[in-house]
PDB file of N, CA and C in Angstrom:
ATOM      1  N   UNK A   1       0.820  -1.151   0.000  1.00  0.00           N
ATOM      2  CA  UNK A   1       0.000   0.000   0.000  1.00  0.00           C
ATOM      3  C   UNK A   1       0.884   1.240   0.000  1.00  0.00           C
ATOM      4  N   UNK A   2       0.472   2.205  -0.781  1.00  0.00           N
ATOM      5  CA  UNK A   2       1.255   3.443  -0.897  1.00  0.00           C
ATOM      6  C   UNK A   2       0.961   4.347   0.266  1.00  0.00           C
ATOM      7  N   UNK A   3       1.984   4.982   0.688  1.00  0.00           N
ATOM      8  CA  UNK A   3       1.780   5.931   1.769  1.00  0.00           C
ATOM      9  C   UNK A   3       1.312   7.255   1.182  1.00  0.00           C
ATOM     10  N   UNK A   4       0.616   7.957   1.966  1.00  0.00           N
ATOM     11  CA  UNK A   4       0.134   9.254   1.497  1.00  0.00           C
ATOM     12  C   UNK A   4       1.334  10.174   1.332  1.00  0.00           C
ATOM     13  N   UNK A   5       1.386  10.814   0.230  1.00  0.00           N
ATOM     14  CA  UNK A   5       2.512  11.706  -0.007  1.00  0.00           C
ATOM     15  C   UNK A   5       2.027  13.142  -0.054  1.00  0.00           C
ATOM     16  N   UNK A   6       2.990  14.022   0.036  1.00  0.00           N
ATOM     17  CA  UNK A   6       2.650  15.443  -0.024  1.00  0.00           C
ATOM     18  C   UNK A   6       2.201  15.786  -1.445  1.00  0.00           C
ATOM     19  N   UNK A   7       1.349  16.773  -1.572  1.00  0.00           N
ATOM     20  CA  UNK A   7       0.975  17.175  -2.926  1.00  0.00           C
ATOM     21  C   UNK A   7       2.210  17.702  -3.649  1.00  0.00           C
ATOM     22  N   UNK A   8       2.296  17.407  -4.921  1.00  0.00           N
ATOM     23  CA  UNK A   8       3.452  17.822  -5.715  1.00  0.00           C
ATOM     24  C   UNK A   8       3.425  19.326  -5.936  1.00  0.00           C
ATOM     25  N   UNK A   9       4.568  19.904  -5.863  1.00  0.00           N
ATOM     26  CA  UNK A   9       4.710  21.334  -6.152  1.00  0.00           C
ATOM     27  C   UNK A   9       4.848  21.484  -7.661  1.00  0.00           C
ATOM     28  N   UNK A  10       3.937  22.171  -8.293  1.00  0.00           N
ATOM     29  CA  UNK A  10       3.921  22.312  -9.752  1.00  0.00           C
ATOM     30  C   UNK A  10       4.781  23.475 -10.238  1.00  0.00           C
ATOM     31  N   UNK A  11       5.399  24.189  -9.361  1.00  0.00           N
ATOM     32  CA  UNK A  11       6.237  25.312  -9.768  1.00  0.00           C
ATOM     33  C   UNK A  11       7.555  24.801 -10.318  1.00  0.00           C
ATOM     34  N   UNK A  12       8.093  25.568 -11.258  1.00  0.00           N
ATOM     35  CA  UNK A  12       9.381  25.202 -11.848  1.00  0.00           C
ATOM     36  C   UNK A  12      10.486  25.424 -10.830  1.00  0.00           C
ATOM     37  N   UNK A  13      11.506  24.593 -10.865  1.00  0.00           N
ATOM     38  CA  UNK A  13      12.636  24.797  -9.959  1.00  0.00           C
ATOM     39  C   UNK A  13      13.273  26.161 -10.209  1.00  0.00           C
ATOM     40  N   UNK A  14      13.893  26.701  -9.190  1.00  0.00           N
ATOM     41  CA  UNK A  14      14.501  28.031  -9.284  1.00  0.00           C
ATOM     42  C   UNK A  14      15.489  28.144 -10.428  1.00  0.00           C
ATOM     43  N   UNK A  15      16.216  27.105 -10.737  1.00  0.00           N
ATOM     44  CA  UNK A  15      17.229  27.149 -11.800  1.00  0.00           C
ATOM     45  C   UNK A  15      16.587  27.270 -13.185  1.00  0.00           C
ATOM     46  N   UNK A  16      15.343  26.835 -13.341  1.00  0.00           N
ATOM     47  CA  UNK A  16      14.683  26.824 -14.649  1.00  0.00           C
ATOM     48  C   UNK A  16      13.922  28.127 -14.905  1.00  0.00           C
ATOM     49  N   UNK A  17      13.548  28.848 -13.881  1.00  0.00           N
ATOM     50  CA  UNK A  17      12.736  30.056 -14.044  1.00  0.00           C
ATOM     51  C   UNK A  17      13.363  31.095 -14.981  1.00  0.00           C
ATOM     52  N   UNK A  18      14.650  31.421 -14.840  1.00  0.00           N
ATOM     53  CA  UNK A  18      15.212  32.415 -15.768  1.00  0.00           C
ATOM     54  C   UNK A  18      15.134  31.958 -17.225  1.00  0.00           C
ATOM     55  N   UNK A  19      15.330  30.667 -17.460  1.00  0.00           N
ATOM     56  CA  UNK A  19      15.258  30.137 -18.819  1.00  0.00           C
ATOM     57  C   UNK A  19      13.844  30.249 -19.368  1.00  0.00           C
ATOM     58  N   UNK A  20      12.849  29.937 -18.540  1.00  0.00           N
ATOM     59  CA  UNK A  20      11.460  30.069 -18.974  1.00  0.00           C
ATOM     60  C   UNK A  20      11.115  31.527 -19.274  1.00  0.00           C
ATOM     61  N   UNK A  21      11.598  32.446 -18.455  1.00  0.00           N
ATOM     62  CA  UNK A  21      11.351  33.872 -18.681  1.00  0.00           C
ATOM     63  C   UNK A  21      11.966  34.325 -19.998  1.00  0.00           C
ATOM     64  N   UNK A  22      13.172  33.870 -20.260  1.00  0.00           N
ATOM     65  CA  UNK A  22      13.850  34.227 -21.503  1.00  0.00           C
ATOM     66  C   UNK A  22      13.092  33.676 -22.715  1.00  0.00           C
ATOM     67  N   UNK A  23      12.616  32.439 -22.628  1.00  0.00           N
ATOM     68  CA  UNK A  23      11.836  31.846 -23.726  1.00  0.00           C
ATOM     69  C   UNK A  23      10.555  32.632 -23.973  1.00  0.00           C
ATOM     70  N   UNK A  24       9.863  33.000 -22.893  1.00  0.00           N
ATOM     71  CA  UNK A  24       8.635  33.765 -23.030  1.00  0.00           C
ATOM     72  C   UNK A  24       8.915  35.121 -23.662  1.00  0.00           C
ATOM     73  N   UNK A  25       9.971  35.786 -23.233  1.00  0.00           N
ATOM     74  CA  UNK A  25      10.350  37.077 -23.802  1.00  0.00           C
ATOM     75  C   UNK A  25      10.672  36.943 -25.286  1.00  0.00           C
ATOM     76  N   UNK A  26      11.363  35.876 -25.676  1.00  0.00           N
ATOM     77  CA  UNK A  26      11.692  35.648 -27.086  1.00  0.00           C
ATOM     78  C   UNK A  26      10.438  35.473 -27.932  1.00  0.00           C
ATOM     79  N   UNK A  27       9.490  34.715 -27.415  1.00  0.00           N
ATOM     80  CA  UNK A  27       8.239  34.486 -28.154  1.00  0.00           C
ATOM     81  C   UNK A  27       7.470  35.788 -28.302  1.00  0.00           C
ATOM     82  N   UNK A  28       7.373  36.566 -27.237  1.00  0.00           N
ATOM     83  CA  UNK A  28       6.646  37.831 -27.304  1.00  0.00           C
ATOM     84  C   UNK A  28       7.317  38.802 -28.257  1.00  0.00           C
ATOM     85  N   UNK A  29       8.639  38.841 -28.263  1.00  0.00           N
ATOM     86  CA  UNK A  29       9.370  39.729 -29.169  1.00  0.00           C
ATOM     87  C   UNK A  29       9.169  39.303 -30.609  1.00  0.00           C
ATOM     88  N   UNK A  30       9.168  38.018 -30.872  1.00  0.00           N
ATOM     89  CA  UNK A  30       8.985  37.526 -32.238  1.00  0.00           C
ATOM     90  C   UNK A  30       7.574  37.812 -32.741  1.00  0.00           C
ATOM     91  N   UNK A  31       6.607  37.803 -31.858  1.00  0.00           N
ATOM     92  CA  UNK A  31       5.221  38.055 -32.259  1.00  0.00           C
ATOM     93  C   UNK A  31       4.942  39.536 -32.474  1.00  0.00           C
ATOM     94  N   UNK A  32       5.661  40.409 -31.803  1.00  0.00           N
ATOM     95  CA  UNK A  32       5.437  41.847 -31.912  1.00  0.00           C
ATOM     96  C   UNK A  32       6.784  42.554 -32.037  1.00  0.00           C
ATOM     97  N   UNK A  33       7.447  42.375 -33.204  1.00  0.00           N
ATOM     98  CA  UNK A  33       8.771  42.972 -33.339  1.00  0.00           C
ATOM     99  C   UNK A  33       8.697  44.495 -33.327  1.00  0.00           C
ATOM    100  N   UNK A  34       9.726  45.105 -32.806  1.00  0.00           N
ATOM    101  CA  UNK A  34       9.792  46.569 -32.809  1.00  0.00           C
ATOM    102  C   UNK A  34       9.891  47.038 -34.251  1.00  0.00           C
ATOM    103  N   UNK A  35       9.121  48.031 -34.584  1.00  0.00           N
ATOM    104  CA  UNK A  35       9.114  48.533 -35.954  1.00  0.00           C
ATOM    105  C   UNK A  35      10.260  49.504 -36.148  1.00  0.00           C
ATOM    106  N   UNK A  36      10.888  49.388 -37.329  1.00  0.00           N
ATOM    107  CA  UNK A  36      11.940  50.340 -37.667  1.00  0.00           C
ATOM    108  C   UNK A  36      11.290  51.691 -37.916  1.00  0.00           C
ATOM    109  N   UNK A  37      11.975  52.756 -37.572  1.00  0.00           N
ATOM    110  CA  UNK A  37      11.403  54.062 -37.887  1.00  0.00           C
ATOM    111  C   UNK A  37      11.283  54.221 -39.403  1.00  0.00           C
ATOM    112  N   UNK A  38      10.217  54.838 -39.832  1.00  0.00           N
ATOM    113  CA  UNK A  38       9.996  55.034 -41.266  1.00  0.00           C
ATOM    114  C   UNK A  38      11.084  55.944 -41.824  1.00  0.00           C
ATOM    115  N   UNK A  39      11.608  55.542 -42.973  1.00  0.00           N
ATOM    116  CA  UNK A  39      12.625  56.358 -43.625  1.00  0.00           C
ATOM    117  C   UNK A  39      11.926  57.492 -44.354  1.00  0.00           C
ATOM    118  N   UNK A  40      12.490  58.684 -44.310  1.00  0.00           N
ATOM    119  CA  UNK A  40      11.839  59.819 -44.967  1.00  0.00           C
ATOM    120  C   UNK A  40      11.828  59.647 -46.483  1.00  0.00           C
ATOM    121  N   UNK A  41      10.748  60.100 -47.100  1.00  0.00           N
ATOM    122  CA  UNK A  41      10.636  60.081 -48.555  1.00  0.00           C
ATOM    123  C   UNK A  41      10.069  61.418 -49.022  1.00  0.00           C
ATOM    124  N   UNK A  42      10.218  61.648 -50.309  1.00  0.00           N
ATOM    125  CA  UNK A  42       9.672  62.842 -50.941  1.00  0.00           C
ATOM    126  C   UNK A  42       8.779  62.366 -52.072  1.00  0.00           C
ATOM    127  N   UNK A  43       7.617  62.971 -52.203  1.00  0.00           N
ATOM    128  CA  UNK A  43       6.666  62.595 -53.242  1.00  0.00           C
ATOM    129  C   UNK A  43       7.065  63.239 -54.574  1.00  0.00           C
ATOM    130  N   UNK A  44       7.053  62.425 -55.616  1.00  0.00           N
ATOM    131  CA  UNK A  44       7.386  62.880 -56.963  1.00  0.00           C
ATOM    132  C   UNK A  44       6.187  62.602 -57.864  1.00  0.00           C
ATOM    133  N   UNK A  45       5.712  63.629 -58.548  1.00  0.00           N
ATOM    134  CA  UNK A  45       4.576  63.494 -59.468  1.00  0.00           C
ATOM    135  C   UNK A  45       4.983  64.015 -60.830  1.00  0.00           C
ATOM    136  N   UNK A  46       4.691  63.253 -61.860  1.00  0.00           N
ATOM    137  CA  UNK A  46       4.944  63.655 -63.237  1.00  0.00           C
ATOM    138  C   UNK A  46       3.619  63.662 -63.978  1.00  0.00           C
ATOM    139  N   UNK A  47       3.473  64.578 -64.922  1.00  0.00           N
ATOM    140  CA  UNK A  47       2.297  64.568 -65.780  1.00  0.00           C
ATOM    141  C   UNK A  47       2.702  65.063 -67.155  1.00  0.00           C
ATOM    142  N   UNK A  48       1.949  64.700 -68.160  1.00  0.00           N
ATOM    143  CA  UNK A  48       2.254  65.152 -69.512  1.00  0.00           C
ATOM    144  C   UNK A  48       1.801  64.165 -70.566  1.00  0.00           C
ATOM    145  N   UNK A  49       2.429  64.257 -71.724  1.00  0.00           N
ATOM    146  CA  UNK A  49       2.060  63.444 -72.880  1.00  0.00           C
ATOM    147  C   UNK A  49       3.294  62.853 -73.523  1.00  0.00           C
ATOM    148  N   UNK A  50       3.194  61.728 -74.149  1.00  0.00           N
ATOM    149  CA  UNK A  50       2.051  60.832 -74.273  1.00  0.00           C
ATOM    150  C   UNK A  50       1.873  59.996 -73.005  1.00  0.00           C
ATOM    151  N   UNK A  51       0.643  59.644 -72.679  1.00  0.00           N
ATOM    152  CA  UNK A  51       0.368  58.940 -71.423  1.00  0.00           C
ATOM    153  C   UNK A  51       1.014  57.552 -71.350  1.00  0.00           C
ATOM    154  N   UNK A  52       1.299  56.947 -72.510  1.00  0.00           N
ATOM    155  CA  UNK A  52       1.886  55.603 -72.509  1.00  0.00           C
ATOM    156  C   UNK A  52       3.417  55.631 -72.445  1.00  0.00           C
ATOM    157  N   UNK A  53       4.030  56.814 -72.315  1.00  0.00           N
ATOM    158  CA  UNK A  53       5.485  56.920 -72.215  1.00  0.00           C
ATOM    159  C   UNK A  53       5.964  56.180 -70.966  1.00  0.00           C
ATOM    160  N   UNK A  54       7.166  55.642 -71.018  1.00  0.00           N
ATOM    161  CA  UNK A  54       7.736  54.894 -69.900  1.00  0.00           C
ATOM    162  C   UNK A  54       8.571  55.819 -69.023  1.00  0.00           C
ATOM    163  N   UNK A  55       8.317  55.768 -67.712  1.00  0.00           N
ATOM    164  CA  UNK A  55       9.048  56.588 -66.747  1.00  0.00           C
ATOM    165  C   UNK A  55      10.090  55.704 -66.059  1.00  0.00           C
ATOM    166  N   UNK A  56      11.325  56.205 -66.024  1.00  0.00           N
ATOM    167  CA  UNK A  56      12.420  55.509 -65.347  1.00  0.00           C
ATOM    168  C   UNK A  56      13.045  56.480 -64.346  1.00  0.00           C
ATOM    169  N   UNK A  57      13.219  56.020 -63.102  1.00  0.00           N
ATOM    170  CA  UNK A  57      13.867  56.839 -62.073  1.00  0.00           C
ATOM    171  C   UNK A  57      15.087  56.065 -61.577  1.00  0.00           C
ATOM    172  N   UNK A  58      16.248  56.697 -61.703  1.00  0.00           N
ATOM    173  CA  UNK A  58      17.511  56.085 -61.290  1.00  0.00           C
ATOM    174  C   UNK A  58      17.716  54.714 -61.924  1.00  0.00           C
ATOM    175  N   UNK A  59      17.340  54.591 -63.197  1.00  0.00           N
ATOM    176  CA  UNK A  59      17.537  53.335 -63.925  1.00  0.00           C
ATOM    177  C   UNK A  59      16.479  52.281 -63.680  1.00  0.00           C
ATOM    178  N   UNK A  60      15.499  52.568 -62.825  1.00  0.00           N
ATOM    179  CA  UNK A  60      14.419  51.620 -62.519  1.00  0.00           C
ATOM    180  C   UNK A  60      13.152  52.008 -63.267  1.00  0.00           C
ATOM    181  N   UNK A  61      12.678  51.173 -64.206  1.00  0.00           N
ATOM    182  CA  UNK A  61      11.408  51.490 -64.870  1.00  0.00           C
ATOM    183  C   UNK A  61      10.254  51.412 -63.869  1.00  0.00           C
ATOM    184  N   UNK A  62       9.411  52.447 -63.866  1.00  0.00           N
ATOM    185  CA  UNK A  62       8.304  52.505 -62.909  1.00  0.00           C
ATOM    186  C   UNK A  62       6.951  52.235 -63.539  1.00  0.00           C
ATOM    187  N   UNK A  63       6.856  52.399 -64.837  1.00  0.00           N
ATOM    188  CA  UNK A  63       5.575  52.212 -65.507  1.00  0.00           C
ATOM    189  C   UNK A  63       5.317  53.372 -66.443  1.00  0.00           C
ATOM    190  N   UNK A  64       4.078  53.470 -66.854  1.00  0.00           N
ATOM    191  CA  UNK A  64       3.711  54.511 -67.805  1.00  0.00           C
ATOM    192  C   UNK A  64       3.594  55.867 -67.116  1.00  0.00           C
ATOM    193  N   UNK A  65       3.680  56.904 -67.908  1.00  0.00           N
ATOM    194  CA  UNK A  65       3.510  58.262 -67.398  1.00  0.00           C
ATOM    195  C   UNK A  65       2.126  58.409 -66.768  1.00  0.00           C
ATOM    196  N   UNK A  66       1.137  57.806 -67.386  1.00  0.00           N
ATOM    197  CA  UNK A  66      -0.229  57.847 -66.861  1.00  0.00           C
ATOM    198  C   UNK A  66      -0.292  57.198 -65.468  1.00  0.00           C
ATOM    199  N   UNK A  67       0.397  56.078 -65.289  1.00  0.00           N
ATOM    200  CA  UNK A  67       0.440  55.372 -64.008  1.00  0.00           C
ATOM    201  C   UNK A  67       1.108  56.244 -62.940  1.00  0.00           C
ATOM    202  N   UNK A  68       2.268  56.827 -63.270  1.00  0.00           N
ATOM    203  CA  UNK A  68       3.005  57.657 -62.319  1.00  0.00           C
ATOM    204  C   UNK A  68       2.227  58.934 -61.999  1.00  0.00           C
ATOM    205  N   UNK A  69       1.531  59.473 -62.996  1.00  0.00           N
ATOM    206  CA  UNK A  69       0.712  60.668 -62.764  1.00  0.00           C
ATOM    207  C   UNK A  69      -0.399  60.371 -61.761  1.00  0.00           C
ATOM    208  N   UNK A  70      -1.019  59.213 -61.889  1.00  0.00           N
ATOM    209  CA  UNK A  70      -2.149  58.854 -61.032  1.00  0.00           C
ATOM    210  C   UNK A  70      -1.718  58.506 -59.610  1.00  0.00           C
ATOM    211  N   UNK A  71      -0.571  57.871 -59.455  1.00  0.00           N
ATOM    212  CA  UNK A  71      -0.173  57.368 -58.145  1.00  0.00           C
ATOM    213  C   UNK A  71       0.987  58.112 -57.494  1.00  0.00           C
ATOM    214  N   UNK A  72       1.829  58.733 -58.278  1.00  0.00           N
ATOM    215  CA  UNK A  72       3.015  59.376 -57.733  1.00  0.00           C
ATOM    216  C   UNK A  72       4.061  58.343 -57.353  1.00  0.00           C
ATOM    217  N   UNK A  73       5.210  58.832 -56.956  1.00  0.00           N
ATOM    218  CA  UNK A  73       6.325  57.971 -56.575  1.00  0.00           C
ATOM    219  C   UNK A  73       6.949  58.545 -55.310  1.00  0.00           C
ATOM    220  N   UNK A  74       7.265  57.699 -54.350  1.00  0.00           N
ATOM    221  CA  UNK A  74       7.974  58.128 -53.143  1.00  0.00           C
ATOM    222  C   UNK A  74       9.451  57.813 -53.348  1.00  0.00           C
ATOM    223  N   UNK A  75      10.287  58.845 -53.315  1.00  0.00           N
ATOM    224  CA  UNK A  75      11.724  58.656 -53.494  1.00  0.00           C
ATOM    225  C   UNK A  75      12.448  59.075 -52.216  1.00  0.00           C
ATOM    226  N   UNK A  76      13.575  58.427 -51.915  1.00  0.00           N
ATOM    227  CA  UNK A  76      14.342  58.855 -50.752  1.00  0.00           C
ATOM    228  C   UNK A  76      15.000  60.199 -51.022  1.00  0.00           C
ATOM    229  N   UNK A  77      15.359  60.923 -49.987  1.00  0.00           N
ATOM    230  CA  UNK A  77      16.046  62.200 -50.200  1.00  0.00           C
ATOM    231  C   UNK A  77      17.334  61.984 -50.998  1.00  0.00           C
ATOM    232  N   UNK A  78      17.663  62.975 -51.824  1.00  0.00           N
ATOM    233  CA  UNK A  78      18.885  62.910 -52.622  1.00  0.00           C
ATOM    234  C   UNK A  78      18.607  63.276 -54.071  1.00  0.00           C
ATOM    235  N   UNK A  79      19.635  63.158 -54.880  1.00  0.00           N
ATOM    236  CA  UNK A  79      19.530  63.487 -56.304  1.00  0.00           C
ATOM    237  C   UNK A  79      19.043  62.252 -57.058  1.00  0.00           C
ATOM    238  N   UNK A  80      18.061  62.457 -57.933  1.00  0.00           N
ATOM    239  CA  UNK A  80      17.492  61.365 -58.727  1.00  0.00           C
ATOM    240  C   UNK A  80      17.454  61.765 -60.195  1.00  0.00           C
ATOM    241  N   UNK A  81      17.637  60.770 -61.054  1.00  0.00           N
ATOM    242  CA  UNK A  81      17.647  60.991 -62.502  1.00  0.00           C
ATOM    243  C   UNK A  81      16.389  60.381 -63.103  1.00  0.00           C
ATOM    244  N   UNK A  82      15.620  61.217 -63.766  1.00  0.00           N
ATOM    245  CA  UNK A  82      14.346  60.792 -64.348  1.00  0.00           C
ATOM    246  C   UNK A  82      14.479  60.805 -65.865  1.00  0.00           C
ATOM    247  N   UNK A  83      14.027  59.722 -66.483  1.00  0.00           N
ATOM    248  CA  UNK A  83      13.998  59.630 -67.940  1.00  0.00           C
ATOM    249  C   UNK A  83      12.603  59.189 -68.344  1.00  0.00           C
ATOM    250  N   UNK A  84      12.066  59.841 -69.362  1.00  0.00           N
ATOM    251  CA  UNK A  84      10.764  59.462 -69.910  1.00  0.00           C
ATOM    252  C   UNK A  84      10.973  59.204 -71.398  1.00  0.00           C
ATOM    253  N   UNK A  85      10.548  58.028 -71.859  1.00  0.00           N
ATOM    254  CA  UNK A  85      10.739  57.647 -73.261  1.00  0.00           C
ATOM    255  C   UNK A  85       9.443  57.101 -73.850  1.00  0.00           C
ATOM    256  N   UNK A  86       9.316  57.281 -75.151  1.00  0.00           N
ATOM    257  CA  UNK A  86       8.191  56.706 -75.888  1.00  0.00           C
ATOM    258  C   UNK A  86       8.624  56.555 -77.334  1.00  0.00           C
ATOM    259  N   UNK A  87       8.131  55.530 -77.976  1.00  0.00           N
ATOM    260  CA  UNK A  87       8.457  55.294 -79.376  1.00  0.00           C
ATOM    261  C   UNK A  87       7.950  56.467 -80.218  1.00  0.00           C
ATOM    262  N   UNK A  88       8.852  56.959 -81.100  1.00  0.00           N
ATOM    263  CA  UNK A  88       8.490  58.081 -81.964  1.00  0.00           C
ATOM    264  C   UNK A  88       8.771  59.441 -81.344  1.00  0.00           C
ATOM    265  N   UNK A  89       9.344  59.460 -80.109  1.00  0.00           N
ATOM    266  CA  UNK A  89       9.647  60.709 -79.411  1.00  0.00           C
ATOM    267  C   UNK A  89      11.104  60.715 -78.959  1.00  0.00           C
ATOM    268  N   UNK A  90      11.665  61.909 -78.850  1.00  0.00           N
ATOM    269  CA  UNK A  90      12.996  62.046 -78.280  1.00  0.00           C
ATOM    270  C   UNK A  90      12.893  61.811 -76.776  1.00  0.00           C
ATOM    271  N   UNK A  91      13.909  61.195 -76.165  1.00  0.00           N
ATOM    272  CA  UNK A  91      13.845  60.971 -74.716  1.00  0.00           C
ATOM    273  C   UNK A  91      13.890  62.292 -73.947  1.00  0.00           C
ATOM    274  N   UNK A  92      13.278  62.290 -72.792  1.00  0.00           N
ATOM    275  CA  UNK A  92      13.230  63.456 -71.910  1.00  0.00           C
ATOM    276  C   UNK A  92      13.972  63.084 -70.637  1.00  0.00           C
ATOM    277  N   UNK A  93      14.928  63.918 -70.211  1.00  0.00           N
ATOM    278  CA  UNK A  93      15.719  63.641 -69.010  1.00  0.00           C
ATOM    279  C   UNK A  93      15.693  64.841 -68.085  1.00  0.00           C
ATOM    280  N   UNK A  94      15.721  64.539 -66.784  1.00  0.00           N
ATOM    281  CA  UNK A  94      15.761  65.607 -65.790  1.00  0.00           C
ATOM    282  C   UNK A  94      16.409  65.063 -64.537  1.00  0.00           C
ATOM    283  N   UNK A  95      17.168  65.909 -63.864  1.00  0.00           N
ATOM    284  CA  UNK A  95      17.756  65.589 -62.568  1.00  0.00           C
ATOM    285  C   UNK A  95      16.985  66.388 -61.522  1.00  0.00           C
ATOM    286  N   UNK A  96      16.568  65.723 -60.442  1.00  0.00           N
ATOM    287  CA  UNK A  96      15.864  66.420 -59.367  1.00  0.00           C
ATOM    288  C   UNK A  96      16.574  66.152 -58.047  1.00  0.00           C
ATOM    289  N   UNK A  97      16.526  67.141 -57.178  1.00  0.00           N
ATOM    290  CA  UNK A  97      17.102  66.997 -55.842  1.00  0.00           C
ATOM    291  C   UNK A  97      15.952  66.968 -54.846  1.00  0.00           C
ATOM    292  N   UNK A  98      15.678  65.798 -54.310  1.00  0.00           N
ATOM    293  CA  UNK A  98      14.599  65.621 -53.337  1.00  0.00           C
ATOM    294  C   UNK A  98      15.155  65.898 -51.947  1.00  0.00           C
ATOM    295  N   UNK A  99      14.583  66.893 -51.278  1.00  0.00           N
ATOM    296  CA  UNK A  99      15.061  67.283 -49.949  1.00  0.00           C
ATOM    297  C   UNK A  99      14.033  66.921 -48.889  1.00  0.00           C
ATOM    298  N   UNK A 100      14.520  66.451 -47.758  1.00  0.00           N
ATOM    299  CA  UNK A 100      13.645  66.075 -46.643  1.00  0.00           C
ATOM    300  C   UNK A 100      12.772  67.260 -46.263  1.00  0.00           C
ATOM    301  N   UNK A 101      11.485  67.002 -46.103  1.00  0.00           N
ATOM    302  CA  UNK A 101      10.556  68.043 -45.687  1.00  0.00           C
ATOM    303  C   UNK A 101      10.076  68.944 -46.805  1.00  0.00           C
ATOM    304  N   UNK A 102      10.574  68.715 -48.025  1.00  0.00           N
ATOM    305  CA  UNK A 102      10.129  69.569 -49.127  1.00  0.00           C
ATOM    306  C   UNK A 102       8.732  69.153 -49.577  1.00  0.00           C
ATOM    307  N   UNK A 103       8.001  70.073 -50.203  1.00  0.00           N
ATOM    308  CA  UNK A 103       6.676  69.702 -50.723  1.00  0.00           C
ATOM    309  C   UNK A 103       6.841  68.724 -51.884  1.00  0.00           C
ATOM    310  N   UNK A 104       5.753  68.087 -52.301  1.00  0.00           N
ATOM    311  CA  UNK A 104       5.852  67.166 -53.437  1.00  0.00           C
ATOM    312  C   UNK A 104       6.465  67.859 -54.659  1.00  0.00           C
ATOM    313  N   UNK A 105       7.293  67.115 -55.371  1.00  0.00           N
ATOM    314  CA  UNK A 105       7.909  67.629 -56.586  1.00  0.00           C
ATOM    315  C   UNK A 105       6.979  67.280 -57.746  1.00  0.00           C
ATOM    316  N   UNK A 106       6.496  68.283 -58.445  1.00  0.00           N
ATOM    317  CA  UNK A 106       5.593  68.081 -59.574  1.00  0.00           C
ATOM    318  C   UNK A 106       6.289  68.576 -60.839  1.00  0.00           C
ATOM    319  N   UNK A 107       6.356  67.711 -61.848  1.00  0.00           N
ATOM    320  CA  UNK A 107       7.084  68.033 -63.071  1.00  0.00           C
ATOM    321  C   UNK A 107       6.208  67.756 -64.286  1.00  0.00           C
ATOM    322  N   UNK A 108       6.145  68.753 -65.181  1.00  0.00           N
ATOM    323  CA  UNK A 108       5.447  68.574 -66.451  1.00  0.00           C
ATOM    324  C   UNK A 108       6.423  67.981 -67.459  1.00  0.00           C
ATOM    325  N   UNK A 109       5.983  66.961 -68.157  1.00  0.00           N
ATOM    326  CA  UNK A 109       6.812  66.277 -69.152  1.00  0.00           C
ATOM    327  C   UNK A 109       6.202  66.537 -70.528  1.00  0.00           C
ATOM    328  N   UNK A 110       7.023  67.046 -71.433  1.00  0.00           N
ATOM    329  CA  UNK A 110       6.559  67.287 -72.807  1.00  0.00           C
ATOM    330  C   UNK A 110       7.563  66.632 -73.756  1.00  0.00           C
ATOM    331  N   UNK A 111       7.232  65.453 -74.218  1.00  0.00           N
ATOM    332  CA  UNK A 111       8.123  64.772 -75.161  1.00  0.00           C
ATOM    333  C   UNK A 111       7.993  65.407 -76.548  1.00  0.00           C
ATOM    334  N   UNK A 112       9.117  65.509 -77.225  1.00  0.00           N
ATOM    335  CA  UNK A 112       9.165  66.089 -78.569  1.00  0.00           C
ATOM    336  C   UNK A 112       9.164  64.959 -79.590  1.00  0.00           C
ATOM    337  N   UNK A 113       8.243  65.025 -80.569  1.00  0.00           N
ATOM    338  CA  UNK A 113       8.250  63.983 -81.602  1.00  0.00           C
ATOM    339  C   UNK A 113       9.569  63.993 -82.377  1.00  0.00           C
ATOM    340  N   UNK A 114       9.999  62.807 -82.782  1.00  0.00           N
ATOM    341  CA  UNK A 114      11.205  62.693 -83.603  1.00  0.00           C
ATOM    342  C   UNK A 114      10.923  63.366 -84.935  1.00  0.00           C
ATOM    343  N   UNK A 115      11.827  64.275 -85.381  1.00  0.00           N
ATOM    344  CA  UNK A 115      11.595  64.940 -86.667  1.00  0.00           C
ATOM    345  C   UNK A 115      11.641  63.937 -87.828  1.00  0.00           C
ATOM    346  N   UNK A 116      10.874  64.213 -88.870  1.00  0.00           N
ATOM    347  CA  UNK A 116      10.855  63.323 -90.048  1.00  0.00           C
ATOM    348  C   UNK A 116      12.159  63.376 -90.783  1.00  0.00           C
TER     349      UNK A 116
END
């Protein structure tokens, strides 16, 4: 026959508590990571003709002029090179300096047809 024993202590031993706390902290941190501060950007808007012209900023094609006109582009502060091209037109190039805190940069684009 078994003798009556004391009720078991369900608490973790003292040596294990710091490890359990660290594991819990790791799980909570992984579930709610600290967000990086947002990097500043400057809004860039282009408009003009032809609407199907391709807009490239710093060598990256962004889409049609119509698309960029409707949505705009967020660029980091600094100097950026904009090129707009379309078949049958001379390319259009512009350098812009986007400064932190500046208002949106709005640029009219007028492509010139290739002479006959």
